[in-house]
């Protein structure tokens, strides 16, 4: 089967394809970190320059990523990575997965607050509350920090080791189908 590249937001890492779902998940983490860095630069930018088109574009970029790609990424983990570890005997992995699931719920709630503040930046006229945005940004970024590290260094390698080639292929196929990506 020929590997394909997706044009779906958050899944455009060269070399990663749905035939390599764990590489796709790792690539998504790199994009999460880049998008969070953009978000963290937005607050001082707003304090220094106020709302302009650059700030609006940055807010829209952050919203686009966390509205589209991040929820699909979390669903990938919930459907394919976490269950295999919860079926296992390793108590440390099970505890990590339960914490990561709780993180997903906390991230979703924090995103709702942050998203509303970012929408205010892009509104006409803009109604940026920089203090509230700064606080929401710090909370959201903190939630992702340990989460990504735990997945990259503990959870993804453990799940990869437990899944058969057929299960990994089924994982990639499901990821592709849920995004409506066809094989080229």
C-alpha atoms as a PDB file:
ATOM      1  CA  UNK A   1       0.000   0.000   0.000  1.00  0.00           C
ATOM      2  CA  UNK A   2       1.323   3.413  -0.910  1.00  0.00           C
ATOM      3  CA  UNK A   3       1.765   5.806   2.007  1.00  0.00           C
ATOM      4  CA  UNK A   4      -0.232   8.985   1.789  1.00  0.00           C
ATOM      5  CA  UNK A   5       0.134  12.408   3.280  1.00  0.00           C
ATOM      6  CA  UNK A   6      -2.884  14.035   4.771  1.00  0.00           C
ATOM      7  CA  UNK A   7      -3.713  17.682   4.336  1.00  0.00           C
ATOM      8  CA  UNK A   8      -5.836  17.609   7.474  1.00  0.00           C
ATOM      9  CA  UNK A   9      -4.756  20.326   9.915  1.00  0.00           C
ATOM     10  CA  UNK A  10      -2.285  18.929  12.395  1.00  0.00           C
ATOM     11  CA  UNK A  11      -1.323  15.974  10.222  1.00  0.00           C
ATOM     12  CA  UNK A  12       1.104  17.314   7.682  1.00  0.00           C
ATOM     13  CA  UNK A  13       4.405  16.022   8.986  1.00  0.00           C
ATOM     14  CA  UNK A  14       6.582  14.868   6.093  1.00  0.00           C
ATOM     15  CA  UNK A  15       7.300  11.162   6.341  1.00  0.00           C
ATOM     16  CA  UNK A  16       4.452  10.370   8.719  1.00  0.00           C
ATOM     17  CA  UNK A  17       1.477   8.556   7.310  1.00  0.00           C
ATOM     18  CA  UNK A  18      -1.510   6.669   8.587  1.00  0.00           C
ATOM     19  CA  UNK A  19       0.522   3.514   7.917  1.00  0.00           C
ATOM     20  CA  UNK A  20       2.652   4.688  10.876  1.00  0.00           C
ATOM     21  CA  UNK A  21       0.054   5.840  13.405  1.00  0.00           C
ATOM     22  CA  UNK A  22       2.438   6.231  16.334  1.00  0.00           C
ATOM     23  CA  UNK A  23       4.613   8.549  14.231  1.00  0.00           C
ATOM     24  CA  UNK A  24       1.449  10.507  13.413  1.00  0.00           C
ATOM     25  CA  UNK A  25       0.647  10.780  17.124  1.00  0.00           C
ATOM     26  CA  UNK A  26       4.196  11.948  17.894  1.00  0.00           C
ATOM     27  CA  UNK A  27       4.019  14.462  15.064  1.00  0.00           C
ATOM     28  CA  UNK A  28       0.806  15.798  16.510  1.00  0.00           C
ATOM     29  CA  UNK A  29       2.600  16.392  19.808  1.00  0.00           C
ATOM     30  CA  UNK A  30       5.217  18.452  17.983  1.00  0.00           C
ATOM     31  CA  UNK A  31       2.432  20.555  16.469  1.00  0.00           C
ATOM     32  CA  UNK A  32       0.763  20.894  19.877  1.00  0.00           C
ATOM     33  CA  UNK A  33       4.011  22.283  21.266  1.00  0.00           C
ATOM     34  CA  UNK A  34       4.427  24.716  18.350  1.00  0.00           C
ATOM     35  CA  UNK A  35       0.822  25.884  18.672  1.00  0.00           C
ATOM     36  CA  UNK A  36       1.168  26.348  22.428  1.00  0.00           C
ATOM     37  CA  UNK A  37       4.332  28.382  21.817  1.00  0.00           C
ATOM     38  CA  UNK A  38       2.371  30.609  19.424  1.00  0.00           C
ATOM     39  CA  UNK A  39      -0.347  30.973  22.077  1.00  0.00           C
ATOM     40  CA  UNK A  40       2.230  31.922  24.714  1.00  0.00           C
ATOM     41  CA  UNK A  41       3.692  34.602  22.408  1.00  0.00           C
ATOM     42  CA  UNK A  42       0.228  36.045  21.783  1.00  0.00           C
ATOM     43  CA  UNK A  43      -0.264  37.375  25.325  1.00  0.00           C
ATOM     44  CA  UNK A  44       2.852  39.595  25.429  1.00  0.00           C
ATOM     45  CA  UNK A  45       2.153  40.656  21.847  1.00  0.00           C
ATOM     46  CA  UNK A  46      -1.328  41.829  22.840  1.00  0.00           C
ATOM     47  CA  UNK A  47       0.086  43.715  25.835  1.00  0.00           C
ATOM     48  CA  UNK A  48       2.673  45.442  23.674  1.00  0.00           C
ATOM     49  CA  UNK A  49       0.759  46.107  20.461  1.00  0.00           C
ATOM     50  CA  UNK A  50      -2.899  45.430  21.148  1.00  0.00           C
ATOM     51  CA  UNK A  51      -5.206  43.638  18.776  1.00  0.00           C
ATOM     52  CA  UNK A  52      -4.149  43.875  15.161  1.00  0.00           C
ATOM     53  CA  UNK A  53      -4.339  41.522  12.197  1.00  0.00           C
ATOM     54  CA  UNK A  54      -1.244  39.602  13.353  1.00  0.00           C
ATOM     55  CA  UNK A  55      -2.876  38.920  16.728  1.00  0.00           C
ATOM     56  CA  UNK A  56      -6.145  37.911  15.080  1.00  0.00           C
ATOM     57  CA  UNK A  57      -4.316  35.545  12.733  1.00  0.00           C
ATOM     58  CA  UNK A  58      -2.452  33.942  15.638  1.00  0.00           C
ATOM     59  CA  UNK A  59      -5.693  33.500  17.612  1.00  0.00           C
ATOM     60  CA  UNK A  60      -7.359  31.943  14.561  1.00  0.00           C
ATOM     61  CA  UNK A  61      -4.418  29.573  14.025  1.00  0.00           C
ATOM     62  CA  UNK A  62      -4.571  28.387  17.637  1.00  0.00           C
ATOM     63  CA  UNK A  63      -8.348  27.912  17.462  1.00  0.00           C
ATOM     64  CA  UNK A  64      -8.138  26.025  14.178  1.00  0.00           C
ATOM     65  CA  UNK A  65      -5.591  23.575  15.578  1.00  0.00           C
ATOM     66  CA  UNK A  66      -7.292  22.915  18.903  1.00  0.00           C
ATOM     67  CA  UNK A  67     -10.784  22.787  17.360  1.00  0.00           C
ATOM     68  CA  UNK A  68      -9.882  20.298  14.612  1.00  0.00           C
ATOM     69  CA  UNK A  69      -6.730  18.264  15.097  1.00  0.00           C
ATOM     70  CA  UNK A  70      -6.435  18.051  18.877  1.00  0.00           C
ATOM     71  CA  UNK A  71      -9.856  16.423  19.484  1.00  0.00           C
ATOM     72  CA  UNK A  72      -9.138  13.803  16.809  1.00  0.00           C
ATOM     73  CA  UNK A  73      -5.737  13.142  18.368  1.00  0.00           C
ATOM     74  CA  UNK A  74      -7.299  12.623  21.787  1.00  0.00           C
ATOM     75  CA  UNK A  75      -9.872  10.291  20.256  1.00  0.00           C
ATOM     76  CA  UNK A  76      -7.054   8.295  18.608  1.00  0.00           C
ATOM     77  CA  UNK A  77      -5.492   7.798  22.022  1.00  0.00           C
ATOM     78  CA  UNK A  78      -8.788   6.945  23.718  1.00  0.00           C
ATOM     79  CA  UNK A  79      -9.719   4.413  21.014  1.00  0.00           C
ATOM     80  CA  UNK A  80      -6.398   2.744  20.286  1.00  0.00           C
ATOM     81  CA  UNK A  81      -3.656   3.478  22.791  1.00  0.00           C
ATOM     82  CA  UNK A  82      -5.297   3.584  26.204  1.00  0.00           C
ATOM     83  CA  UNK A  83      -7.448   0.427  26.006  1.00  0.00           C
ATOM     84  CA  UNK A  84      -4.518  -1.887  25.314  1.00  0.00           C
ATOM     85  CA  UNK A  85      -2.681  -0.544  28.357  1.00  0.00           C
ATOM     86  CA  UNK A  86      -5.726  -0.768  30.606  1.00  0.00           C
ATOM     87  CA  UNK A  87      -6.097  -4.464  29.684  1.00  0.00           C
ATOM     88  CA  UNK A  88      -2.519  -5.136  30.766  1.00  0.00           C
ATOM     89  CA  UNK A  89      -1.112  -5.940  34.177  1.00  0.00           C
ATOM     90  CA  UNK A  90       1.199  -2.950  34.615  1.00  0.00           C
ATOM     91  CA  UNK A  91      -0.180  -0.803  37.449  1.00  0.00           C
ATOM     92  CA  UNK A  92       2.060   2.170  36.569  1.00  0.00           C
ATOM     93  CA  UNK A  93       0.746   2.215  33.003  1.00  0.00           C
ATOM     94  CA  UNK A  94      -2.848   1.878  34.141  1.00  0.00           C
ATOM     95  CA  UNK A  95      -2.421   4.801  36.554  1.00  0.00           C
ATOM     96  CA  UNK A  96      -0.800   6.881  33.818  1.00  0.00           C
ATOM     97  CA  UNK A  97      -3.671   6.154  31.413  1.00  0.00           C
ATOM     98  CA  UNK A  98      -6.288   7.100  34.012  1.00  0.00           C
ATOM     99  CA  UNK A  99      -4.429  10.372  34.624  1.00  0.00           C
ATOM    100  CA  UNK A 100      -4.192  11.024  30.874  1.00  0.00           C
ATOM    101  CA  UNK A 101      -7.926  10.419  30.463  1.00  0.00           C
ATOM    102  CA  UNK A 102      -8.590  12.912  33.264  1.00  0.00           C
ATOM    103  CA  UNK A 103      -6.215  15.309  31.491  1.00  0.00           C
ATOM    104  CA  UNK A 104      -8.296  15.022  28.307  1.00  0.00           C
ATOM    105  CA  UNK A 105     -11.416  16.067  30.220  1.00  0.00           C
ATOM    106  CA  UNK A 106      -9.571  18.936  31.928  1.00  0.00           C
ATOM    107  CA  UNK A 107      -8.077  20.047  28.598  1.00  0.00           C
ATOM    108  CA  UNK A 108     -11.500  20.097  27.000  1.00  0.00           C
ATOM    109  CA  UNK A 109     -12.910  22.258  29.785  1.00  0.00           C
ATOM    110  CA  UNK A 110      -9.887  24.586  29.768  1.00  0.00           C
ATOM    111  CA  UNK A 111     -10.090  24.855  25.982  1.00  0.00           C
ATOM    112  CA  UNK A 112     -13.710  26.011  26.217  1.00  0.00           C
ATOM    113  CA  UNK A 113     -12.662  28.937  28.418  1.00  0.00           C
ATOM    114  CA  UNK A 114      -9.571  29.754  26.367  1.00  0.00           C
ATOM    115  CA  UNK A 115     -11.425  29.493  23.066  1.00  0.00           C
ATOM    116  CA  UNK A 116     -14.003  32.072  24.176  1.00  0.00           C
ATOM    117  CA  UNK A 117     -11.173  34.472  25.072  1.00  0.00           C
ATOM    118  CA  UNK A 118      -9.470  33.891  21.710  1.00  0.00           C
ATOM    119  CA  UNK A 119     -12.750  34.469  19.867  1.00  0.00           C
ATOM    120  CA  UNK A 120     -12.998  37.831  21.616  1.00  0.00           C
ATOM    121  CA  UNK A 121      -9.593  38.721  20.135  1.00  0.00           C
ATOM    122  CA  UNK A 122     -10.903  37.967  16.635  1.00  0.00           C
ATOM    123  CA  UNK A 123     -14.270  39.692  17.127  1.00  0.00           C
ATOM    124  CA  UNK A 124     -15.246  42.903  15.388  1.00  0.00           C
ATOM    125  CA  UNK A 125     -14.657  45.019  17.327  1.00  0.00           C
ATOM    126  CA  UNK A 126     -12.061  43.037  19.324  1.00  0.00           C
ATOM    127  CA  UNK A 127     -12.757  42.641  23.014  1.00  0.00           C
ATOM    128  CA  UNK A 128      -9.507  41.150  24.270  1.00  0.00           C
ATOM    129  CA  UNK A 129      -9.235  40.521  28.011  1.00  0.00           C
ATOM    130  CA  UNK A 130      -5.481  40.061  28.139  1.00  0.00           C
ATOM    131  CA  UNK A 131      -5.343  39.269  31.880  1.00  0.00           C
ATOM    132  CA  UNK A 132      -7.955  36.521  31.564  1.00  0.00           C
ATOM    133  CA  UNK A 133      -6.315  35.249  28.374  1.00  0.00           C
ATOM    134  CA  UNK A 134      -2.943  35.098  30.122  1.00  0.00           C
ATOM    135  CA  UNK A 135      -4.391  33.054  32.981  1.00  0.00           C
ATOM    136  CA  UNK A 136      -6.307  30.694  30.688  1.00  0.00           C
ATOM    137  CA  UNK A 137      -3.243  30.291  28.473  1.00  0.00           C
ATOM    138  CA  UNK A 138      -1.046  29.358  31.454  1.00  0.00           C
ATOM    139  CA  UNK A 139      -3.570  26.772  32.669  1.00  0.00           C
ATOM    140  CA  UNK A 140      -4.033  25.217  29.237  1.00  0.00           C
ATOM    141  CA  UNK A 141      -0.296  25.066  28.534  1.00  0.00           C
ATOM    142  CA  UNK A 142       0.423  23.519  31.933  1.00  0.00           C
ATOM    143  CA  UNK A 143      -2.140  20.784  31.303  1.00  0.00           C
ATOM    144  CA  UNK A 144      -0.388  19.773  28.094  1.00  0.00           C
ATOM    145  CA  UNK A 145       3.190  19.838  29.385  1.00  0.00           C
ATOM    146  CA  UNK A 146       3.366  16.674  31.521  1.00  0.00           C
ATOM    147  CA  UNK A 147       0.654  15.014  29.451  1.00  0.00           C
ATOM    148  CA  UNK A 148       2.707  15.042  26.240  1.00  0.00           C
ATOM    149  CA  UNK A 149       5.853  13.928  28.040  1.00  0.00           C
ATOM    150  CA  UNK A 150       4.065  10.972  29.644  1.00  0.00           C
ATOM    151  CA  UNK A 151       2.588   9.873  26.338  1.00  0.00           C
ATOM    152  CA  UNK A 152       5.825  10.224  24.373  1.00  0.00           C
ATOM    153  CA  UNK A 153       8.110   8.572  26.912  1.00  0.00           C
ATOM    154  CA  UNK A 154       5.898   5.989  28.616  1.00  0.00           C
ATOM    155  CA  UNK A 155       2.504   5.348  27.076  1.00  0.00           C
ATOM    156  CA  UNK A 156       3.170   5.350  23.324  1.00  0.00           C
ATOM    157  CA  UNK A 157       6.222   3.032  23.536  1.00  0.00           C
ATOM    158  CA  UNK A 158       4.366   0.629  25.835  1.00  0.00           C
ATOM    159  CA  UNK A 159       1.270   0.509  23.614  1.00  0.00           C
ATOM    160  CA  UNK A 160       3.361   0.074  20.472  1.00  0.00           C
ATOM    161  CA  UNK A 161       5.122  -2.893  22.068  1.00  0.00           C
ATOM    162  CA  UNK A 162       1.796  -4.554  22.920  1.00  0.00           C
ATOM    163  CA  UNK A 163      -0.034  -4.043  19.630  1.00  0.00           C
ATOM    164  CA  UNK A 164       0.377  -6.491  16.761  1.00  0.00           C
ATOM    165  CA  UNK A 165       1.153  -5.305  13.238  1.00  0.00           C
ATOM    166  CA  UNK A 166      -2.481  -5.983  12.337  1.00  0.00           C
ATOM    167  CA  UNK A 167      -3.730  -3.892  15.259  1.00  0.00           C
ATOM    168  CA  UNK A 168      -1.405  -1.032  14.314  1.00  0.00           C
ATOM    169  CA  UNK A 169      -2.650  -1.254  10.712  1.00  0.00           C
ATOM    170  CA  UNK A 170      -6.275  -1.186  11.932  1.00  0.00           C
ATOM    171  CA  UNK A 171      -5.434   1.823  14.095  1.00  0.00           C
ATOM    172  CA  UNK A 172      -4.018   3.689  11.090  1.00  0.00           C
ATOM    173  CA  UNK A 173      -7.025   2.758   8.962  1.00  0.00           C
ATOM    174  CA  UNK A 174      -9.444   4.026  11.615  1.00  0.00           C
ATOM    175  CA  UNK A 175      -7.489   7.271  11.982  1.00  0.00           C
ATOM    176  CA  UNK A 176      -7.579   7.756   8.212  1.00  0.00           C
ATOM    177  CA  UNK A 177     -11.289   6.957   7.877  1.00  0.00           C
ATOM    178  CA  UNK A 178     -12.376   9.227  10.743  1.00  0.00           C
ATOM    179  CA  UNK A 179     -10.615  12.084   8.984  1.00  0.00           C
ATOM    180  CA  UNK A 180     -12.046  11.241   5.575  1.00  0.00           C
ATOM    181  CA  UNK A 181      -8.584  10.772   4.064  1.00  0.00           C
ATOM    182  CA  UNK A 182      -8.371   8.532   0.993  1.00  0.00           C
ATOM    183  CA  UNK A 183      -5.403   6.492  -0.102  1.00  0.00           C
ATOM    184  CA  UNK A 184      -3.743   8.145  -3.085  1.00  0.00           C
END
